[in-house]
N, C-alpha and C. Protein backbone atom coordinates (compact mmCIF):
# COMPACT_ATOMS: atom_id res chain seq x y z
N MET A 1 -60.06 152.19 70.52
CA MET A 1 -60.12 151.04 69.56
C MET A 1 -59.27 149.98 69.99
N THR A 2 -59.39 148.79 69.94
CA THR A 2 -58.24 147.74 70.01
C THR A 2 -57.71 147.61 68.44
N LEU A 3 -56.58 147.01 68.57
CA LEU A 3 -55.68 147.07 67.37
C LEU A 3 -56.01 146.02 66.14
N VAL A 4 -57.07 145.00 67.03
CA VAL A 4 -57.27 143.94 65.95
C VAL A 4 -58.85 144.71 65.06
N PHE A 5 -59.35 145.29 65.98
CA PHE A 5 -60.73 146.15 65.06
C PHE A 5 -59.98 147.00 64.41
N TYR A 6 -59.21 147.86 64.60
CA TYR A 6 -58.16 148.40 63.67
C TYR A 6 -57.61 147.94 62.61
N ASN A 7 -57.00 146.82 63.08
CA ASN A 7 -56.81 145.82 61.63
C ASN A 7 -57.62 145.48 60.57
N GLU A 8 -58.71 145.09 61.30
CA GLU A 8 -60.04 144.84 60.43
C GLU A 8 -60.65 145.83 59.49
N VAL A 9 -60.75 147.16 59.99
CA VAL A 9 -60.98 148.19 59.30
C VAL A 9 -60.28 148.50 58.07
N VAL A 10 -58.79 148.65 58.65
CA VAL A 10 -57.84 148.87 57.17
C VAL A 10 -57.94 147.54 56.38
N LYS A 11 -57.74 146.60 56.53
CA LYS A 11 -58.56 145.51 55.78
C LYS A 11 -59.44 145.85 54.75
N TYR A 12 -60.41 146.17 55.51
CA TYR A 12 -61.86 146.27 55.23
C TYR A 12 -61.41 147.28 53.75
N LYS A 13 -60.88 148.16 54.29
CA LYS A 13 -60.83 149.12 53.05
C LYS A 13 -60.05 149.27 52.34
N TYR A 14 -58.61 148.30 52.15
CA TYR A 14 -57.95 148.05 51.53
C TYR A 14 -59.16 147.18 50.25
N LEU A 15 -59.61 146.34 50.61
CA LEU A 15 -60.44 145.05 50.08
C LEU A 15 -61.35 145.74 49.01
N ILE A 16 -61.98 146.98 49.52
CA ILE A 16 -63.17 147.67 48.78
C ILE A 16 -61.90 148.49 47.87
N LEU A 17 -60.83 149.11 48.21
CA LEU A 17 -60.18 149.92 47.12
C LEU A 17 -60.06 148.73 45.94
N TRP A 18 -58.96 147.68 46.68
CA TRP A 18 -58.49 146.81 45.48
C TRP A 18 -59.55 146.55 44.62
N ILE A 19 -61.19 146.21 45.08
CA ILE A 19 -62.17 145.52 44.14
C ILE A 19 -62.70 147.00 43.18
N THR A 20 -62.50 148.03 43.75
CA THR A 20 -62.92 149.47 43.05
C THR A 20 -61.84 149.51 41.98
N ILE A 21 -61.14 149.42 42.02
CA ILE A 21 -59.54 149.53 41.02
C ILE A 21 -59.84 148.41 39.89
N ALA A 22 -59.66 147.14 40.40
CA ALA A 22 -60.28 145.94 39.52
C ALA A 22 -61.50 146.25 38.44
N GLY A 23 -62.56 147.24 39.23
CA GLY A 23 -63.60 147.14 38.45
C GLY A 23 -63.28 148.03 37.45
N ILE A 24 -62.63 149.20 37.73
CA ILE A 24 -62.55 150.40 36.69
C ILE A 24 -61.26 149.94 35.92
N ILE A 25 -60.79 149.64 36.12
CA ILE A 25 -59.86 148.79 35.25
C ILE A 25 -60.22 148.18 34.05
N GLY A 26 -61.13 147.15 34.63
CA GLY A 26 -62.27 146.36 33.75
C GLY A 26 -63.21 147.37 32.63
N ILE A 27 -63.73 148.51 33.26
CA ILE A 27 -64.55 149.19 32.79
C ILE A 27 -63.86 149.81 31.29
N VAL A 28 -62.54 150.40 31.86
CA VAL A 28 -61.65 151.13 30.86
C VAL A 28 -61.23 150.04 29.93
N PHE A 29 -61.01 149.21 30.28
CA PHE A 29 -60.07 147.96 29.14
C PHE A 29 -61.56 147.60 28.75
N GLY A 30 -62.62 147.51 28.66
CA GLY A 30 -64.01 147.38 27.67
C GLY A 30 -63.75 148.37 26.96
N PHE A 31 -63.97 149.80 27.34
CA PHE A 31 -64.22 150.85 26.44
C PHE A 31 -62.81 150.62 25.48
N PHE A 32 -61.80 150.18 25.69
CA PHE A 32 -60.56 150.39 24.99
C PHE A 32 -60.79 149.25 23.74
N TYR A 33 -61.27 148.28 23.90
CA TYR A 33 -61.52 146.85 23.77
C TYR A 33 -62.93 146.87 22.55
N ALA A 34 -63.81 147.90 23.06
CA ALA A 34 -65.04 147.98 21.90
C ALA A 34 -64.41 149.12 21.15
N THR A 35 -63.66 149.92 21.08
CA THR A 35 -63.51 151.34 20.23
C THR A 35 -62.11 150.34 19.29
N PHE A 36 -61.19 150.25 19.73
CA PHE A 36 -59.75 149.21 19.09
C PHE A 36 -60.04 147.99 18.92
N GLY A 37 -60.68 147.26 19.55
CA GLY A 37 -60.81 145.53 19.50
C GLY A 37 -58.46 145.35 19.99
N LEU A 38 -58.27 144.49 20.09
CA LEU A 38 -57.24 143.81 20.77
C LEU A 38 -56.25 144.15 19.68
N GLU A 39 -56.76 144.23 18.63
CA GLU A 39 -55.22 145.10 17.68
C GLU A 39 -54.76 146.35 18.12
N GLY A 40 -55.29 147.03 18.96
CA GLY A 40 -55.09 148.03 19.53
C GLY A 40 -54.05 148.12 20.66
N LEU A 41 -53.43 146.74 20.78
CA LEU A 41 -52.78 146.80 22.36
C LEU A 41 -51.41 146.41 21.59
N PRO A 42 -50.90 146.89 21.45
CA PRO A 42 -49.14 146.48 20.88
C PRO A 42 -48.65 144.88 21.18
N VAL A 43 -48.80 145.02 22.74
CA VAL A 43 -48.74 143.28 23.04
C VAL A 43 -48.87 142.10 22.44
N TYR A 44 -50.12 142.37 22.38
CA TYR A 44 -50.83 141.15 21.51
C TYR A 44 -50.69 141.15 20.22
N GLN A 45 -50.35 142.10 19.46
CA GLN A 45 -49.66 141.87 18.35
C GLN A 45 -48.32 141.70 18.02
N ARG A 46 -47.73 141.42 19.09
CA ARG A 46 -46.58 141.11 19.09
C ARG A 46 -46.12 139.35 19.51
N PHE A 47 -47.18 138.81 20.34
CA PHE A 47 -46.96 137.37 20.95
C PHE A 47 -48.20 136.72 20.40
N VAL A 48 -48.74 136.98 19.97
CA VAL A 48 -50.30 136.15 19.46
C VAL A 48 -50.16 135.97 17.76
N PRO A 49 -49.52 134.81 17.97
CA PRO A 49 -49.53 134.61 16.17
C PRO A 49 -50.99 135.16 15.13
N GLU A 50 -50.54 135.65 14.09
CA GLU A 50 -51.53 136.05 13.51
C GLU A 50 -52.73 135.33 12.81
N THR A 51 -52.12 133.84 12.92
CA THR A 51 -53.06 133.19 12.37
C THR A 51 -54.23 132.35 13.65
N SER A 52 -53.83 132.82 14.81
CA SER A 52 -54.52 132.56 15.92
C SER A 52 -55.41 133.38 16.65
N PHE A 53 -54.96 134.88 16.07
CA PHE A 53 -55.39 136.18 16.39
C PHE A 53 -57.07 135.82 16.54
N GLU A 54 -57.87 135.60 15.43
CA GLU A 54 -59.23 135.72 15.29
C GLU A 54 -59.79 134.67 16.25
N GLY A 55 -59.58 133.19 16.28
CA GLY A 55 -60.02 132.33 16.99
C GLY A 55 -60.10 132.72 18.41
N TRP A 56 -58.89 133.35 18.57
CA TRP A 56 -58.54 133.58 19.99
C TRP A 56 -59.33 134.34 20.78
N SER A 57 -59.35 135.24 19.97
CA SER A 57 -60.43 136.54 20.22
C SER A 57 -61.78 136.28 20.49
N ARG A 58 -62.18 135.23 19.77
CA ARG A 58 -63.50 134.62 19.88
C ARG A 58 -63.48 133.74 21.09
N GLY A 59 -62.64 133.17 21.47
CA GLY A 59 -62.45 132.65 22.56
C GLY A 59 -62.46 133.69 23.95
N LEU A 60 -61.81 134.64 23.53
CA LEU A 60 -61.87 135.80 24.70
C LEU A 60 -63.14 136.12 25.05
N TYR A 61 -63.87 136.47 23.97
CA TYR A 61 -65.45 137.19 23.94
C TYR A 61 -66.20 136.21 24.82
N GLY A 62 -66.23 134.94 24.29
CA GLY A 62 -66.88 133.91 24.47
C GLY A 62 -66.77 133.82 26.15
N ALA A 63 -65.43 133.65 26.68
CA ALA A 63 -64.78 133.31 28.13
C ALA A 63 -65.48 134.63 28.95
N THR A 64 -65.55 135.90 28.24
CA THR A 64 -66.11 136.87 29.30
C THR A 64 -67.71 136.78 28.97
N PHE A 65 -68.29 135.86 28.25
CA PHE A 65 -69.89 136.19 28.51
C PHE A 65 -70.17 134.98 29.24
N ILE A 66 -69.27 133.73 29.45
CA ILE A 66 -69.26 132.55 29.93
C ILE A 66 -69.27 133.31 31.82
N GLY A 67 -68.24 133.95 31.94
CA GLY A 67 -67.81 134.07 33.27
C GLY A 67 -69.14 135.51 33.73
N PHE A 68 -69.61 136.42 32.93
CA PHE A 68 -70.91 137.42 33.32
C PHE A 68 -71.74 136.11 33.55
N SER A 69 -72.35 135.32 32.91
CA SER A 69 -73.38 134.24 32.85
C SER A 69 -72.79 133.56 34.24
N VAL A 70 -72.21 133.49 34.46
CA VAL A 70 -71.63 132.73 36.41
C VAL A 70 -72.38 133.75 37.47
N LEU A 71 -71.72 134.84 36.64
CA LEU A 71 -72.23 135.98 37.72
C LEU A 71 -73.68 136.17 37.98
N LEU A 72 -74.05 136.17 36.45
CA LEU A 72 -75.64 136.62 36.74
C LEU A 72 -76.35 135.22 37.44
N LEU A 73 -76.10 134.02 37.16
CA LEU A 73 -76.69 132.84 37.79
C LEU A 73 -76.32 133.13 39.37
N LEU A 74 -74.85 133.05 39.75
CA LEU A 74 -75.13 132.71 41.23
C LEU A 74 -75.56 134.10 41.88
N ILE A 75 -75.54 135.17 41.65
CA ILE A 75 -76.03 136.80 42.23
C ILE A 75 -77.16 136.66 41.87
N GLY A 76 -78.02 136.30 41.00
CA GLY A 76 -79.59 136.45 40.77
C GLY A 76 -79.94 135.36 41.56
N ARG A 77 -79.62 134.64 41.77
CA ARG A 77 -80.33 133.47 42.47
C ARG A 77 -80.37 133.70 43.69
N ARG A 78 -79.19 134.28 44.30
CA ARG A 78 -78.86 134.70 45.68
C ARG A 78 -79.92 135.75 45.77
N ALA A 79 -79.60 136.72 44.87
CA ALA A 79 -80.83 138.07 45.19
C ALA A 79 -82.15 137.41 45.44
N ILE A 80 -82.91 136.64 44.74
CA ILE A 80 -84.27 136.11 44.36
C ILE A 80 -84.32 135.51 45.91
N GLN A 81 -83.18 134.54 46.29
CA GLN A 81 -83.37 133.53 47.67
C GLN A 81 -83.29 134.29 48.81
N LYS A 82 -82.86 135.40 48.45
CA LYS A 82 -82.64 135.89 49.99
C LYS A 82 -83.48 137.31 49.98
N ARG A 83 -84.29 137.49 48.81
CA ARG A 83 -85.45 138.60 48.81
C ARG A 83 -84.25 139.72 49.27
N ASP A 84 -83.29 139.96 48.42
CA ASP A 84 -82.33 141.03 48.60
C ASP A 84 -82.86 141.92 47.55
N LYS A 85 -83.57 143.12 47.63
CA LYS A 85 -83.68 144.35 46.30
C LYS A 85 -83.09 145.06 46.08
N GLU A 86 -81.99 145.29 47.12
CA GLU A 86 -80.69 145.96 46.25
C GLU A 86 -79.67 145.25 45.98
N LEU A 87 -79.29 144.00 46.05
CA LEU A 87 -78.65 143.12 45.28
C LEU A 87 -78.98 143.04 44.06
N ALA A 88 -80.45 142.55 43.82
CA ALA A 88 -81.15 142.39 42.65
C ALA A 88 -81.21 144.20 41.62
N ARG A 89 -81.09 145.09 42.26
CA ARG A 89 -81.21 146.20 41.36
C ARG A 89 -79.55 146.50 41.05
N ILE A 90 -78.77 146.24 41.71
CA ILE A 90 -77.27 146.57 41.45
C ILE A 90 -77.27 145.28 40.37
N LEU A 91 -77.52 144.06 40.26
CA LEU A 91 -77.46 143.37 39.35
C LEU A 91 -78.12 143.87 38.10
N VAL A 92 -79.16 144.36 37.97
CA VAL A 92 -79.68 144.65 36.77
C VAL A 92 -79.13 146.10 36.21
N LEU A 93 -78.37 146.89 37.01
CA LEU A 93 -77.89 147.97 36.60
C LEU A 93 -76.64 147.68 35.66
N GLY A 94 -76.03 146.43 36.06
CA GLY A 94 -74.93 145.82 35.70
C GLY A 94 -75.29 145.24 34.39
N ILE A 95 -76.60 144.57 34.23
CA ILE A 95 -76.57 144.10 33.16
C ILE A 95 -77.24 145.16 31.91
N GLY A 96 -77.76 146.15 32.57
CA GLY A 96 -78.08 147.36 31.74
C GLY A 96 -76.93 147.94 31.22
N SER A 97 -76.11 148.53 32.19
CA SER A 97 -74.68 149.02 31.24
C SER A 97 -74.43 148.36 30.13
N TRP A 98 -74.11 147.12 30.14
CA TRP A 98 -73.83 146.03 29.31
C TRP A 98 -74.46 146.23 27.74
N LEU A 99 -75.88 146.08 28.19
CA LEU A 99 -77.14 146.26 26.89
C LEU A 99 -76.87 147.42 26.55
N VAL A 100 -77.02 148.68 27.44
CA VAL A 100 -77.07 150.11 26.84
C VAL A 100 -75.67 150.31 25.58
N PHE A 101 -74.41 149.94 26.35
CA PHE A 101 -73.23 149.97 25.82
C PHE A 101 -73.39 149.11 24.55
N GLU A 102 -73.63 148.20 24.50
CA GLU A 102 -74.25 147.47 23.46
C GLU A 102 -75.00 147.74 22.21
N ALA A 103 -75.72 148.33 22.80
CA ALA A 103 -76.76 148.62 21.52
C ALA A 103 -76.20 149.97 20.99
N ILE A 104 -75.75 150.86 21.45
CA ILE A 104 -75.16 152.16 21.19
C ILE A 104 -74.24 151.67 19.79
N VAL A 105 -72.94 150.60 20.57
CA VAL A 105 -72.07 150.15 19.45
C VAL A 105 -72.80 149.41 18.28
N SER A 106 -74.19 148.53 18.57
CA SER A 106 -75.05 148.36 17.47
C SER A 106 -75.25 149.21 16.90
N LEU A 107 -75.87 150.28 16.99
CA LEU A 107 -76.51 151.53 16.40
C LEU A 107 -75.46 152.17 15.54
N ILE A 108 -73.97 152.25 16.55
CA ILE A 108 -72.90 153.43 15.74
C ILE A 108 -72.38 152.19 14.26
N TYR A 109 -72.73 151.27 14.24
CA TYR A 109 -72.31 149.76 13.03
C TYR A 109 -73.35 149.42 12.65
N GLY A 110 -74.69 150.18 12.56
CA GLY A 110 -75.75 149.65 11.56
C GLY A 110 -76.04 148.40 11.93
N VAL A 111 -75.91 147.63 13.16
CA VAL A 111 -76.22 146.24 13.49
C VAL A 111 -77.69 146.55 14.24
N TYR A 112 -79.11 146.63 13.46
CA TYR A 112 -80.20 147.32 14.23
C TYR A 112 -81.08 145.94 14.75
N ILE A 113 -80.79 144.98 14.43
CA ILE A 113 -81.19 143.70 14.44
C ILE A 113 -80.88 143.82 16.46
N ASN A 114 -79.91 143.53 16.33
CA ASN A 114 -79.19 143.41 17.82
C ASN A 114 -79.92 144.77 18.82
N ILE A 115 -80.15 145.37 18.52
CA ILE A 115 -80.41 146.60 19.51
C ILE A 115 -81.97 146.12 19.68
N ALA A 116 -82.66 145.12 19.38
CA ALA A 116 -84.18 144.66 19.57
C ALA A 116 -83.76 143.39 20.32
N VAL A 117 -82.33 142.45 19.70
CA VAL A 117 -81.87 141.45 20.97
C VAL A 117 -81.65 141.95 22.23
N ASP A 118 -80.94 143.06 22.00
CA ASP A 118 -80.50 144.00 23.60
C ASP A 118 -81.72 144.02 24.61
N ILE A 119 -82.95 144.50 23.90
CA ILE A 119 -84.12 144.93 24.86
C ILE A 119 -84.73 143.54 25.33
N ALA A 120 -85.30 142.47 24.48
CA ALA A 120 -85.29 141.16 24.74
C ALA A 120 -84.61 140.97 25.85
N ILE A 121 -83.51 140.89 25.73
CA ILE A 121 -82.61 140.38 26.69
C ILE A 121 -82.79 141.17 28.24
N MET A 122 -83.03 142.34 27.89
CA MET A 122 -82.87 142.97 29.28
C MET A 122 -84.37 143.01 29.70
N THR A 123 -85.14 142.45 29.15
CA THR A 123 -86.40 142.66 29.50
C THR A 123 -86.77 140.73 30.11
N PHE A 124 -86.14 139.92 29.50
CA PHE A 124 -85.90 138.79 29.91
C PHE A 124 -85.05 138.57 31.46
N LEU A 125 -83.81 139.27 31.38
CA LEU A 125 -83.36 139.22 32.85
C LEU A 125 -83.64 139.82 33.53
N SER A 126 -84.48 140.98 33.32
CA SER A 126 -84.59 141.93 34.54
C SER A 126 -86.10 141.52 35.31
N PHE A 127 -86.91 140.85 34.46
CA PHE A 127 -88.16 140.30 34.81
C PHE A 127 -88.19 139.76 36.27
N PRO A 128 -87.19 138.72 36.35
CA PRO A 128 -87.27 137.93 37.83
C PRO A 128 -86.63 138.84 39.01
N LEU A 129 -85.64 139.52 38.54
CA LEU A 129 -84.88 140.13 39.47
C LEU A 129 -85.84 141.50 40.40
N LEU A 130 -86.53 141.98 39.20
CA LEU A 130 -87.56 143.25 39.28
C LEU A 130 -88.95 142.80 40.10
N HIS A 131 -89.29 141.92 39.78
CA HIS A 131 -90.40 141.28 40.56
C HIS A 131 -90.14 140.14 41.66
N ASN A 132 -89.39 140.45 42.12
CA ASN A 132 -88.82 139.37 43.53
C ASN A 132 -89.39 140.27 44.79
N LYS A 133 -90.51 139.80 44.92
CA LYS A 133 -91.25 140.26 46.49
C LYS A 133 -90.90 139.41 47.81
């Protein structure tokens, strides 16, 4: 095995590890945020003025939704354009994990209308991805 090839294999493995760790951190933080809110992190209590906290928190949620929607737009279009069924299924799995967890939280807090909204969103977003032939 040449040194260049070996370096590429090692680099590839580190990049996979990097993105895996980042994804796991994001998932764990999502569970934390859903359970405790940002109030559960003392660093935010110390550095974010109380008068700004609610608006700032809404901004974070909105920014997260925008980021997710950009991923949906770019990856969804690519999956359909390239007729990549595996990529489409991966995207549906990601959408499903978001909406199932959101529906569970909605059930816990008695916001039943949001469960119907989650079902409608899942149907609407999954249809073009799963019917791409």
